[in-house]
Amino acid sequence: LKSPILAVTALKVTLSEDHFVKVRALIRDLIERLNEQAKSEATQKSFCDKEMKAATDKRDKEQSNVEDNKAKISATEANIQQLTQEIADLSRGIADNKKALKEATDLRQKESAENEKTVAEASAGKEAVERAMEVLKSFYEGQALLQTAKYVPPNSDREGQTVSDRAPEIFDSEYKGTQDASKGIIGMLDVILSDFERTITTVTAEEAEAQAAFDKFKTENEKDTETKEKSVETKEAEITVIEDDLVTLADDLKMAEELHEGALKELEKLHATCVAPEETHEERVAKRKQEIEALKEAHDILENWQG
């Protein structure tokens, strides 16, 4: 056993053995595990990219829906406010119309009563003047006729006088009435009669004109009031419909906010898995690639160490 030849032979056998078989096997196993890990992470990366995009799109979509519903609610509330103000303005206009019509009606009734009273008084005055003039004219015109027509009694002489005519008279002449004064009285009564007639004509015409103006005002007022009342009814119906729409919009907003909140939570969960790690996927891929290359190089060296 101590033979030099045997020692040399044993050394050659020892040197001929491959001491790196196990090491190379470990290196190959590690390379395989790294490749499997790379495949798994590539699958995870694809999953993360897909889910992150879906969650981001959902977040943006629901955020847009939230903003859209808020804008619609704001516009709808402004529309209700505008319609409410228009109804208030129309209601004031209706109240003003009714107040104006009542005041005009009261004034017209008062004026009409005054005009009726004036015409009645003037008519009564006119009738009284006419009767007075008739009485006066009847008397004075009769006396004037006696002065102009000469009566010839029977048993008169050639001069037309009787015995009694020849007798002495107590008065110089027969009473004929105050003819001159009567003319002045009748003239004054004639002027007064004209005043009464003019009053009746004027007041009657004014009453007719005032009534016509009132009738026109009343027609226009009531027509305007009716138009305003119909407009109020229409706008109130609009508000009822819009308020129903507002309830629907509020429900849509609540749903959009809930979906948006859900998308944010999903993104937060994905962030912890896909984004939060210190290294990015690209950095891990690069480092893993370098590690595999180094292992492959070491494997080649250990496989070809005997040259």
C-alpha atoms as a PDB file:
ATOM      1  CA  LEU A   1       0.000   0.000   0.000  1.00  0.00           C
ATOM      2  CA  LYS A   2       2.935   2.265   0.402  1.00  0.00           C
ATOM      3  CA  SER A   3       4.033   1.622  -3.119  1.00  0.00           C
ATOM      4  CA  PRO A   4       4.762   4.811  -5.044  1.00  0.00           C
ATOM      5  CA  ILE A   5       3.056   3.359  -8.057  1.00  0.00           C
ATOM      6  CA  LEU A   6      -0.097   2.660  -6.165  1.00  0.00           C
ATOM      7  CA  ALA A   7      -0.071   6.203  -4.705  1.00  0.00           C
ATOM      8  CA  VAL A   8       0.224   7.782  -8.151  1.00  0.00           C
ATOM      9  CA  THR A   9      -2.503   5.544  -9.464  1.00  0.00           C
ATOM     10  CA  ALA A  10      -4.799   6.486  -6.580  1.00  0.00           C
ATOM     11  CA  LEU A  11      -4.112  10.205  -7.132  1.00  0.00           C
ATOM     12  CA  LYS A  12      -5.041   9.925 -10.806  1.00  0.00           C
ATOM     13  CA  VAL A  13      -8.284   8.172  -9.960  1.00  0.00           C
ATOM     14  CA  THR A  14      -9.110  10.892  -7.423  1.00  0.00           C
ATOM     15  CA  LEU A  15      -8.342  13.702  -9.862  1.00  0.00           C
ATOM     16  CA  SER A  16     -10.357  12.050 -12.585  1.00  0.00           C
ATOM     17  CA  GLU A  17     -13.541  12.224 -10.461  1.00  0.00           C
ATOM     18  CA  ASP A  18     -15.944  15.250 -11.038  1.00  0.00           C
ATOM     19  CA  HIS A  19     -16.150  17.026  -7.715  1.00  0.00           C
ATOM     20  CA  PHE A  20     -18.749  19.659  -8.959  1.00  0.00           C
ATOM     21  CA  VAL A  21     -21.574  17.339  -9.978  1.00  0.00           C
ATOM     22  CA  LYS A  22     -23.646  18.172  -6.932  1.00  0.00           C
ATOM     23  CA  VAL A  23     -22.814  21.871  -7.186  1.00  0.00           C
ATOM     24  CA  ARG A  24     -23.839  21.996 -10.798  1.00  0.00           C
ATOM     25  CA  ALA A  25     -27.040  20.127  -9.948  1.00  0.00           C
ATOM     26  CA  LEU A  26     -27.809  22.696  -7.253  1.00  0.00           C
ATOM     27  CA  ILE A  27     -27.097  25.507  -9.709  1.00  0.00           C
ATOM     28  CA  ARG A  28     -29.427  23.969 -12.293  1.00  0.00           C
ATOM     29  CA  ASP A  29     -32.150  23.542  -9.682  1.00  0.00           C
ATOM     30  CA  LEU A  30     -31.755  27.154  -8.613  1.00  0.00           C
ATOM     31  CA  ILE A  31     -31.866  28.364 -12.214  1.00  0.00           C
ATOM     32  CA  GLU A  32     -35.030  26.317 -12.782  1.00  0.00           C
ATOM     33  CA  ARG A  33     -36.644  27.746  -9.640  1.00  0.00           C
ATOM     34  CA  LEU A  34     -35.715  31.260 -10.739  1.00  0.00           C
ATOM     35  CA  ASN A  35     -37.264  30.664 -14.166  1.00  0.00           C
ATOM     36  CA  GLU A  36     -40.446  29.315 -12.562  1.00  0.00           C
ATOM     37  CA  GLN A  37     -40.496  32.311 -10.254  1.00  0.00           C
ATOM     38  CA  ALA A  38     -40.103  34.607 -13.268  1.00  0.00           C
ATOM     39  CA  LYS A  39     -43.019  32.899 -14.984  1.00  0.00           C
ATOM     40  CA  SER A  40     -45.131  33.176 -11.846  1.00  0.00           C
ATOM     41  CA  GLU A  41     -44.289  36.840 -11.418  1.00  0.00           C
ATOM     42  CA  ALA A  42     -45.016  37.468 -15.088  1.00  0.00           C
ATOM     43  CA  THR A  43     -48.449  35.943 -14.520  1.00  0.00           C
ATOM     44  CA  GLN A  44     -48.841  38.076 -11.385  1.00  0.00           C
ATOM     45  CA  LYS A  45     -47.705  41.148 -13.339  1.00  0.00           C
ATOM     46  CA  SER A  46     -50.281  40.435 -16.021  1.00  0.00           C
ATOM     47  CA  PHE A  47     -52.924  39.975 -13.337  1.00  0.00           C
ATOM     48  CA  CYS A  48     -51.904  43.215 -11.624  1.00  0.00           C
ATOM     49  CA  ASP A  49     -51.869  45.181 -14.856  1.00  0.00           C
ATOM     50  CA  LYS A  50     -55.276  43.840 -15.834  1.00  0.00           C
ATOM     51  CA  GLU A  51     -56.895  44.348 -12.425  1.00  0.00           C
ATOM     52  CA  MET A  52     -55.275  47.737 -11.835  1.00  0.00           C
ATOM     53  CA  LYS A  53     -56.507  48.968 -15.216  1.00  0.00           C
ATOM     54  CA  ALA A  54     -60.015  47.625 -14.550  1.00  0.00           C
ATOM     55  CA  ALA A  55     -60.113  49.165 -11.076  1.00  0.00           C
ATOM     56  CA  THR A  56     -58.686  52.476 -12.322  1.00  0.00           C
ATOM     57  CA  ASP A  57     -61.178  52.601 -15.187  1.00  0.00           C
ATOM     58  CA  LYS A  58     -64.017  51.838 -12.777  1.00  0.00           C
ATOM     59  CA  ARG A  59     -62.799  54.506 -10.361  1.00  0.00           C
ATOM     60  CA  ASP A  60     -62.593  57.109 -13.134  1.00  0.00           C
ATOM     61  CA  LYS A  61     -65.968  56.077 -14.559  1.00  0.00           C
ATOM     62  CA  GLU A  62     -67.739  56.290 -11.207  1.00  0.00           C
ATOM     63  CA  GLN A  63     -65.957  59.550 -10.378  1.00  0.00           C
ATOM     64  CA  SER A  64     -67.289  60.911 -13.669  1.00  0.00           C
ATOM     65  CA  ASN A  65     -70.764  59.608 -12.778  1.00  0.00           C
ATOM     66  CA  VAL A  66     -70.554  61.265  -9.357  1.00  0.00           C
ATOM     67  CA  GLU A  67     -69.564  64.602 -10.894  1.00  0.00           C
ATOM     68  CA  ASP A  68     -72.195  64.254 -13.628  1.00  0.00           C
ATOM     69  CA  ASN A  69     -74.967  63.499 -11.122  1.00  0.00           C
ATOM     70  CA  LYS A  70     -73.863  66.353  -8.859  1.00  0.00           C
ATOM     71  CA  ALA A  71     -73.954  68.723 -11.844  1.00  0.00           C
ATOM     72  CA  LYS A  72     -77.420  67.458 -12.830  1.00  0.00           C
ATOM     73  CA  ILE A  73     -78.690  67.818  -9.253  1.00  0.00           C
ATOM     74  CA  SER A  74     -77.307  71.333  -9.065  1.00  0.00           C
ATOM     75  CA  ALA A  75     -78.931  72.268 -12.387  1.00  0.00           C
ATOM     76  CA  THR A  76     -82.218  70.633 -11.352  1.00  0.00           C
ATOM     77  CA  GLU A  77     -82.266  72.460  -8.013  1.00  0.00           C
ATOM     78  CA  ALA A  78     -81.520  75.730  -9.819  1.00  0.00           C
ATOM     79  CA  ASN A  79     -84.393  74.992 -12.211  1.00  0.00           C
ATOM     80  CA  ILE A  80     -86.759  74.358  -9.284  1.00  0.00           C
ATOM     81  CA  GLN A  81     -85.580  77.573  -7.652  1.00  0.00           C
ATOM     82  CA  GLN A  82     -86.139  79.483 -10.894  1.00  0.00           C
ATOM     83  CA  LEU A  83     -89.630  78.015 -11.357  1.00  0.00           C
ATOM     84  CA  THR A  84     -90.477  78.745  -7.717  1.00  0.00           C
ATOM     85  CA  GLN A  85     -89.412  82.373  -8.192  1.00  0.00           C
ATOM     86  CA  GLU A  86     -91.456  82.618 -11.396  1.00  0.00           C
ATOM     87  CA  ILE A  87     -94.497  81.193  -9.585  1.00  0.00           C
ATOM     88  CA  ALA A  88     -94.008  83.745  -6.793  1.00  0.00           C
ATOM     89  CA  ASP A  89     -93.793  86.577  -9.358  1.00  0.00           C
ATOM     90  CA  LEU A  90     -96.896  85.310 -11.158  1.00  0.00           C
ATOM     91  CA  SER A  91     -98.766  84.960  -7.863  1.00  0.00           C
ATOM     92  CA  ARG A  92     -97.916  88.544  -6.988  1.00  0.00           C
ATOM     93  CA  GLY A  93     -99.123  89.597 -10.428  1.00  0.00           C
ATOM     94  CA  ILE A  94    -102.388  87.706  -9.903  1.00  0.00           C
ATOM     95  CA  ALA A  95    -102.862  89.320  -6.494  1.00  0.00           C
ATOM     96  CA  ASP A  96    -102.101  92.761  -7.980  1.00  0.00           C
ATOM     97  CA  ASN A  97    -104.606  92.164 -10.780  1.00  0.00           C
ATOM     98  CA  LYS A  98    -107.346  91.133  -8.374  1.00  0.00           C
ATOM     99  CA  LYS A  99    -106.613  94.065  -6.091  1.00  0.00           C
ATOM    100  CA  ALA A 100    -106.636  96.496  -9.026  1.00  0.00           C
ATOM    101  CA  LEU A 101    -109.884  95.013 -10.344  1.00  0.00           C
ATOM    102  CA  LYS A 102    -111.547  95.270  -6.939  1.00  0.00           C
ATOM    103  CA  GLU A 103    -110.433  98.871  -6.538  1.00  0.00           C
ATOM    104  CA  ALA A 104    -111.583  99.718 -10.073  1.00  0.00           C
ATOM    105  CA  THR A 105    -114.907  97.947  -9.474  1.00  0.00           C
ATOM    106  CA  ASP A 106    -115.494  99.816  -6.217  1.00  0.00           C
ATOM    107  CA  LEU A 107    -114.586 103.123  -7.880  1.00  0.00           C
ATOM    108  CA  ARG A 108    -116.799 102.343 -10.896  1.00  0.00           C
ATOM    109  CA  GLN A 109    -119.741 101.493  -8.668  1.00  0.00           C
ATOM    110  CA  LYS A 110    -119.243 104.692  -6.690  1.00  0.00           C
ATOM    111  CA  GLU A 111    -118.948 106.797  -9.863  1.00  0.00           C
ATOM    112  CA  SER A 112    -121.950 105.060 -11.404  1.00  0.00           C
ATOM    113  CA  ALA A 113    -124.039 105.706  -8.286  1.00  0.00           C
ATOM    114  CA  GLU A 114    -122.974 109.363  -8.282  1.00  0.00           C
ATOM    115  CA  ASN A 115    -123.740 109.715 -11.986  1.00  0.00           C
ATOM    116  CA  GLU A 116    -127.105 108.023 -11.541  1.00  0.00           C
ATOM    117  CA  LYS A 117    -127.913 110.366  -8.678  1.00  0.00           C
ATOM    118  CA  THR A 118    -126.794 113.396 -10.714  1.00  0.00           C
ATOM    119  CA  VAL A 119    -128.900 112.364 -13.715  1.00  0.00           C
ATOM    120  CA  ALA A 120    -131.886 111.645 -11.460  1.00  0.00           C
ATOM    121  CA  GLU A 121    -131.608 115.035  -9.768  1.00  0.00           C
ATOM    122  CA  ALA A 122    -131.113 116.796 -13.108  1.00  0.00           C
ATOM    123  CA  SER A 123    -134.114 114.930 -14.572  1.00  0.00           C
ATOM    124  CA  ALA A 124    -136.244 115.878 -11.581  1.00  0.00           C
ATOM    125  CA  GLY A 125    -135.098 119.489 -11.889  1.00  0.00           C
ATOM    126  CA  LYS A 126    -135.738 119.460 -15.612  1.00  0.00           C
ATOM    127  CA  GLU A 127    -139.247 118.114 -15.053  1.00  0.00           C
ATOM    128  CA  ALA A 128    -139.949 120.753 -12.393  1.00  0.00           C
ATOM    129  CA  VAL A 129    -138.703 123.577 -14.637  1.00  0.00           C
ATOM    130  CA  GLU A 130    -140.753 122.292 -17.548  1.00  0.00           C
ATOM    131  CA  ARG A 131    -143.902 122.183 -15.399  1.00  0.00           C
ATOM    132  CA  ALA A 132    -143.229 125.662 -13.995  1.00  0.00           C
ATOM    133  CA  MET A 133    -142.655 127.071 -17.476  1.00  0.00           C
ATOM    134  CA  GLU A 134    -145.811 125.408 -18.686  1.00  0.00           C
ATOM    135  CA  VAL A 135    -147.841 126.999 -15.894  1.00  0.00           C
ATOM    136  CA  LEU A 136    -146.288 130.451 -16.434  1.00  0.00           C
ATOM    137  CA  LYS A 137    -146.582 130.345 -20.186  1.00  0.00           C
ATOM    138  CA  SER A 138    -150.163 129.184 -19.941  1.00  0.00           C
ATOM    139  CA  PHE A 139    -151.072 132.151 -17.748  1.00  0.00           C
ATOM    140  CA  TYR A 140    -149.086 134.923 -19.417  1.00  0.00           C
ATOM    141  CA  GLU A 141    -149.742 133.841 -22.960  1.00  0.00           C
ATOM    142  CA  GLY A 142    -153.502 133.729 -22.147  1.00  0.00           C
ATOM    143  CA  GLN A 143    -153.433 137.289 -20.816  1.00  0.00           C
ATOM    144  CA  ALA A 144    -151.558 138.500 -23.859  1.00  0.00           C
ATOM    145  CA  LEU A 145    -154.235 136.982 -26.068  1.00  0.00           C
ATOM    146  CA  LEU A 146    -156.948 138.900 -24.201  1.00  0.00           C
ATOM    147  CA  GLN A 147    -155.152 142.141 -24.988  1.00  0.00           C
ATOM    148  CA  THR A 148    -154.974 141.505 -28.698  1.00  0.00           C
ATOM    149  CA  ALA A 149    -158.516 140.079 -29.393  1.00  0.00           C
ATOM    150  CA  LYS A 150    -161.322 142.771 -28.953  1.00  0.00           C
ATOM    151  CA  TYR A 151    -164.656 141.416 -27.746  1.00  0.00           C
ATOM    152  CA  VAL A 152    -167.908 143.076 -28.960  1.00  0.00           C
ATOM    153  CA  PRO A 153    -170.706 142.384 -26.492  1.00  0.00           C
ATOM    154  CA  PRO A 154    -174.386 142.392 -27.500  1.00  0.00           C
ATOM    155  CA  ASN A 155    -176.535 145.505 -26.837  1.00  0.00           C
ATOM    156  CA  SER A 156    -173.516 147.711 -27.470  1.00  0.00           C
ATOM    157  CA  ASP A 157    -173.541 151.021 -29.260  1.00  0.00           C
ATOM    158  CA  ARG A 158    -171.811 151.942 -32.442  1.00  0.00           C
ATOM    159  CA  GLU A 159    -168.541 152.147 -30.550  1.00  0.00           C
ATOM    160  CA  GLY A 160    -169.080 148.740 -29.138  1.00  0.00           C
ATOM    161  CA  GLN A 161    -169.704 149.887 -25.615  1.00  0.00           C
ATOM    162  CA  THR A 162    -172.531 148.900 -23.325  1.00  0.00           C
ATOM    163  CA  VAL A 163    -174.227 150.848 -20.513  1.00  0.00           C
ATOM    164  CA  SER A 164    -171.844 149.306 -18.007  1.00  0.00           C
ATOM    165  CA  ASP A 165    -168.921 150.353 -20.172  1.00  0.00           C
ATOM    166  CA  ARG A 166    -170.190 153.948 -20.028  1.00  0.00           C
ATOM    167  CA  ALA A 167    -170.343 153.752 -16.195  1.00  0.00           C
ATOM    168  CA  PRO A 168    -167.463 155.220 -14.223  1.00  0.00           C
ATOM    169  CA  GLU A 169    -164.533 152.729 -13.648  1.00  0.00           C
ATOM    170  CA  ILE A 170    -162.715 152.168 -10.375  1.00  0.00           C
ATOM    171  CA  PHE A 171    -159.392 151.088 -12.137  1.00  0.00           C
ATOM    172  CA  ASP A 172    -157.997 152.747 -15.182  1.00  0.00           C
ATOM    173  CA  SER A 173    -157.449 149.372 -16.928  1.00  0.00           C
ATOM    174  CA  GLU A 174    -158.109 145.629 -16.563  1.00  0.00           C
ATOM    175  CA  TYR A 175    -155.363 143.562 -14.781  1.00  0.00           C
ATOM    176  CA  LYS A 176    -153.262 141.885 -17.436  1.00  0.00           C
ATOM    177  CA  GLY A 177    -150.428 140.484 -15.287  1.00  0.00           C
ATOM    178  CA  THR A 178    -146.718 141.504 -15.220  1.00  0.00           C
ATOM    179  CA  GLN A 179    -145.922 140.620 -18.762  1.00  0.00           C
ATOM    180  CA  ASP A 180    -142.437 142.164 -18.811  1.00  0.00           C
ATOM    181  CA  ALA A 181    -141.336 140.476 -15.598  1.00  0.00           C
ATOM    182  CA  SER A 182    -142.690 137.147 -16.791  1.00  0.00           C
ATOM    183  CA  LYS A 183    -140.405 137.219 -19.783  1.00  0.00           C
ATOM    184  CA  GLY A 184    -137.369 137.459 -17.498  1.00  0.00           C
ATOM    185  CA  ILE A 185    -138.558 134.610 -15.280  1.00  0.00           C
ATOM    186  CA  ILE A 186    -139.336 132.371 -18.216  1.00  0.00           C
ATOM    187  CA  GLY A 187    -135.962 133.252 -19.769  1.00  0.00           C
ATOM    188  CA  MET A 188    -134.109 132.300 -16.567  1.00  0.00           C
ATOM    189  CA  LEU A 189    -136.068 129.071 -16.339  1.00  0.00           C
ATOM    190  CA  ASP A 190    -135.182 128.332 -19.964  1.00  0.00           C
ATOM    191  CA  VAL A 191    -131.453 128.728 -19.136  1.00  0.00           C
ATOM    192  CA  ILE A 192    -131.833 126.478 -16.097  1.00  0.00           C
ATOM    193  CA  LEU A 193    -133.681 123.949 -18.236  1.00  0.00           C
ATOM    194  CA  SER A 194    -130.786 123.966 -20.723  1.00  0.00           C
ATOM    195  CA  ASP A 195    -128.320 123.415 -17.854  1.00  0.00           C
ATOM    196  CA  PHE A 196    -130.292 120.422 -16.620  1.00  0.00           C
ATOM    197  CA  GLU A 197    -130.517 118.968 -20.115  1.00  0.00           C
ATOM    198  CA  ARG A 198    -126.788 119.519 -20.689  1.00  0.00           C
ATOM    199  CA  THR A 199    -126.009 117.914 -17.355  1.00  0.00           C
ATOM    200  CA  ILE A 200    -128.125 114.875 -18.215  1.00  0.00           C
ATOM    201  CA  THR A 201    -126.517 114.537 -21.661  1.00  0.00           C
ATOM    202  CA  THR A 202    -122.966 115.092 -20.421  1.00  0.00           C
ATOM    203  CA  VAL A 203    -123.174 112.819 -17.391  1.00  0.00           C
ATOM    204  CA  THR A 204    -124.930 110.101 -19.394  1.00  0.00           C
ATOM    205  CA  ALA A 205    -122.184 110.229 -22.030  1.00  0.00           C
ATOM    206  CA  GLU A 206    -119.441 110.232 -19.369  1.00  0.00           C
ATOM    207  CA  GLU A 207    -121.082 107.289 -17.615  1.00  0.00           C
ATOM    208  CA  ALA A 208    -121.221 105.318 -20.862  1.00  0.00           C
ATOM    209  CA  GLU A 209    -117.566 106.159 -21.631  1.00  0.00           C
ATOM    210  CA  ALA A 210    -116.444 105.286 -18.098  1.00  0.00           C
ATOM    211  CA  GLN A 211    -118.381 102.003 -18.182  1.00  0.00           C
ATOM    212  CA  ALA A 212    -116.882 101.088 -21.550  1.00  0.00           C
ATOM    213  CA  ALA A 213    -113.368 101.820 -20.247  1.00  0.00           C
ATOM    214  CA  PHE A 214    -114.052  99.781 -17.118  1.00  0.00           C
ATOM    215  CA  ASP A 215    -115.446  96.873 -19.136  1.00  0.00           C
ATOM    216  CA  LYS A 216    -112.304  96.873 -21.315  1.00  0.00           C
ATOM    217  CA  PHE A 217    -110.030  97.043 -18.274  1.00  0.00           C
ATOM    218  CA  LYS A 218    -111.983  94.247 -16.568  1.00  0.00           C
ATOM    219  CA  THR A 219    -111.767  91.998 -19.650  1.00  0.00           C
ATOM    220  CA  GLU A 220    -108.022  92.559 -20.056  1.00  0.00           C
ATOM    221  CA  ASN A 221    -107.402  92.181 -16.323  1.00  0.00           C
ATOM    222  CA  GLU A 222    -109.322  88.905 -16.059  1.00  0.00           C
ATOM    223  CA  LYS A 223    -107.681  87.562 -19.213  1.00  0.00           C
ATOM    224  CA  ASP A 224    -104.206  88.377 -17.857  1.00  0.00           C
ATOM    225  CA  THR A 225    -105.104  86.812 -14.503  1.00  0.00           C
ATOM    226  CA  GLU A 226    -106.347  83.653 -16.214  1.00  0.00           C
ATOM    227  CA  THR A 227    -103.124  83.435 -18.261  1.00  0.00           C
ATOM    228  CA  LYS A 228    -101.003  83.855 -15.144  1.00  0.00           C
ATOM    229  CA  GLU A 229    -103.030  81.263 -13.215  1.00  0.00           C
ATOM    230  CA  LYS A 230    -102.607  78.712 -16.026  1.00  0.00           C
ATOM    231  CA  SER A 231     -98.880  79.462 -16.098  1.00  0.00           C
ATOM    232  CA  VAL A 232     -98.699  78.872 -12.343  1.00  0.00           C
ATOM    233  CA  GLU A 233    -100.459  75.519 -12.755  1.00  0.00           C
ATOM    234  CA  THR A 234     -98.058  74.520 -15.550  1.00  0.00           C
ATOM    235  CA  LYS A 235     -94.973  75.490 -13.563  1.00  0.00           C
ATOM    236  CA  GLU A 236     -96.223  73.741 -10.430  1.00  0.00           C
ATOM    237  CA  ALA A 237     -96.710  70.571 -12.508  1.00  0.00           C
ATOM    238  CA  GLU A 238     -93.172  71.012 -13.865  1.00  0.00           C
ATOM    239  CA  ILE A 239     -91.797  71.264 -10.335  1.00  0.00           C
ATOM    240  CA  THR A 240     -93.593  68.043  -9.360  1.00  0.00           C
ATOM    241  CA  VAL A 241     -91.986  66.184 -12.276  1.00  0.00           C
ATOM    242  CA  ILE A 242     -88.565  67.731 -11.645  1.00  0.00           C
ATOM    243  CA  GLU A 243     -88.708  66.878  -7.934  1.00  0.00           C
ATOM    244  CA  ASP A 244     -89.315  63.235  -8.916  1.00  0.00           C
ATOM    245  CA  ASP A 245     -86.303  63.471 -11.228  1.00  0.00           C
ATOM    246  CA  LEU A 246     -84.312  64.949  -8.352  1.00  0.00           C
ATOM    247  CA  VAL A 247     -85.073  61.922  -6.180  1.00  0.00           C
ATOM    248  CA  THR A 248     -83.861  59.635  -8.982  1.00  0.00           C
ATOM    249  CA  LEU A 249     -80.707  61.703  -9.416  1.00  0.00           C
ATOM    250  CA  ALA A 250     -80.026  61.543  -5.675  1.00  0.00           C
ATOM    251  CA  ASP A 251     -80.326  57.733  -5.799  1.00  0.00           C
ATOM    252  CA  ASP A 252     -78.008  57.621  -8.836  1.00  0.00           C
ATOM    253  CA  LEU A 253     -75.504  59.824  -7.022  1.00  0.00           C
ATOM    254  CA  LYS A 254     -75.555  57.609  -3.936  1.00  0.00           C
ATOM    255  CA  MET A 255     -74.981  54.510  -6.068  1.00  0.00           C
ATOM    256  CA  ALA A 256     -72.159  56.179  -8.024  1.00  0.00           C
ATOM    257  CA  GLU A 257     -70.482  57.257  -4.770  1.00  0.00           C
ATOM    258  CA  GLU A 258     -70.718  53.723  -3.380  1.00  0.00           C
ATOM    259  CA  LEU A 259     -69.277  52.228  -6.578  1.00  0.00           C
ATOM    260  CA  HIS A 260     -66.531  54.853  -6.578  1.00  0.00           C
ATOM    261  CA  GLU A 261     -65.693  54.028  -2.952  1.00  0.00           C
ATOM    262  CA  GLY A 262     -65.598  50.330  -3.844  1.00  0.00           C
ATOM    263  CA  ALA A 263     -63.218  51.009  -6.740  1.00  0.00           C
ATOM    264  CA  LEU A 264     -60.926  53.001  -4.443  1.00  0.00           C
ATOM    265  CA  LYS A 265     -60.820  50.139  -1.919  1.00  0.00           C
ATOM    266  CA  GLU A 266     -60.058  47.659  -4.706  1.00  0.00           C
ATOM    267  CA  LEU A 267     -57.237  49.884  -5.914  1.00  0.00           C
ATOM    268  CA  GLU A 268     -55.910  50.108  -2.371  1.00  0.00           C
ATOM    269  CA  LYS A 269     -55.824  46.300  -2.083  1.00  0.00           C
ATOM    270  CA  LEU A 270     -54.142  45.938  -5.476  1.00  0.00           C
ATOM    271  CA  HIS A 271     -51.657  48.645  -4.566  1.00  0.00           C
ATOM    272  CA  ALA A 272     -50.497  46.633  -1.563  1.00  0.00           C
ATOM    273  CA  THR A 273     -49.831  43.636  -3.798  1.00  0.00           C
ATOM    274  CA  CYS A 274     -48.785  45.169  -7.089  1.00  0.00           C
ATOM    275  CA  VAL A 275     -47.347  48.586  -6.348  1.00  0.00           C
ATOM    276  CA  ALA A 276     -46.325  48.837  -2.691  1.00  0.00           C
ATOM    277  CA  PRO A 277     -43.180  46.543  -2.807  1.00  0.00           C
ATOM    278  CA  GLU A 278     -39.907  48.452  -2.787  1.00  0.00           C
ATOM    279  CA  GLU A 279     -38.783  46.939  -6.084  1.00  0.00           C
ATOM    280  CA  THR A 280     -40.701  47.310  -9.289  1.00  0.00           C
ATOM    281  CA  HIS A 281     -41.455  44.332 -11.464  1.00  0.00           C
ATOM    282  CA  GLU A 282     -38.953  45.546 -14.020  1.00  0.00           C
ATOM    283  CA  GLU A 283     -36.224  45.867 -11.395  1.00  0.00           C
ATOM    284  CA  ARG A 284     -36.883  42.334 -10.086  1.00  0.00           C
ATOM    285  CA  VAL A 285     -36.860  40.927 -13.635  1.00  0.00           C
ATOM    286  CA  ALA A 286     -33.522  42.616 -14.357  1.00  0.00           C
ATOM    287  CA  LYS A 287     -31.909  41.399 -11.115  1.00  0.00           C
ATOM    288  CA  ARG A 288     -33.255  37.889 -11.584  1.00  0.00           C
ATOM    289  CA  LYS A 289     -31.916  37.837 -15.117  1.00  0.00           C
ATOM    290  CA  GLN A 290     -28.477  38.878 -13.842  1.00  0.00           C
ATOM    291  CA  GLU A 291     -28.628  36.160 -11.170  1.00  0.00           C
ATOM    292  CA  ILE A 292     -29.546  33.502 -13.753  1.00  0.00           C
ATOM    293  CA  GLU A 293     -26.755  34.642 -16.062  1.00  0.00           C
ATOM    294  CA  ALA A 294     -24.272  34.499 -13.176  1.00  0.00           C
ATOM    295  CA  LEU A 295     -25.455  31.000 -12.223  1.00  0.00           C
ATOM    296  CA  LYS A 296     -25.231  29.832 -15.827  1.00  0.00           C
ATOM    297  CA  GLU A 297     -21.723  31.206 -16.101  1.00  0.00           C
ATOM    298  CA  ALA A 298     -20.683  29.507 -12.853  1.00  0.00           C
ATOM    299  CA  HIS A 299     -22.268  26.261 -14.088  1.00  0.00           C
ATOM    300  CA  ASP A 300     -20.259  26.446 -17.320  1.00  0.00           C
ATOM    301  CA  ILE A 301     -17.050  27.069 -15.399  1.00  0.00           C
ATOM    302  CA  LEU A 302     -17.634  24.148 -13.053  1.00  0.00           C
ATOM    303  CA  GLU A 303     -18.684  21.931 -15.948  1.00  0.00           C
ATOM    304  CA  ASN A 304     -15.590  22.680 -18.030  1.00  0.00           C
ATOM    305  CA  TRP A 305     -13.037  23.103 -15.216  1.00  0.00           C
ATOM    306  CA  GLN A 306     -10.982  20.160 -16.532  1.00  0.00           C
ATOM    307  CA  GLY A 307     -10.464  22.011 -19.730  1.00  0.00           C
END
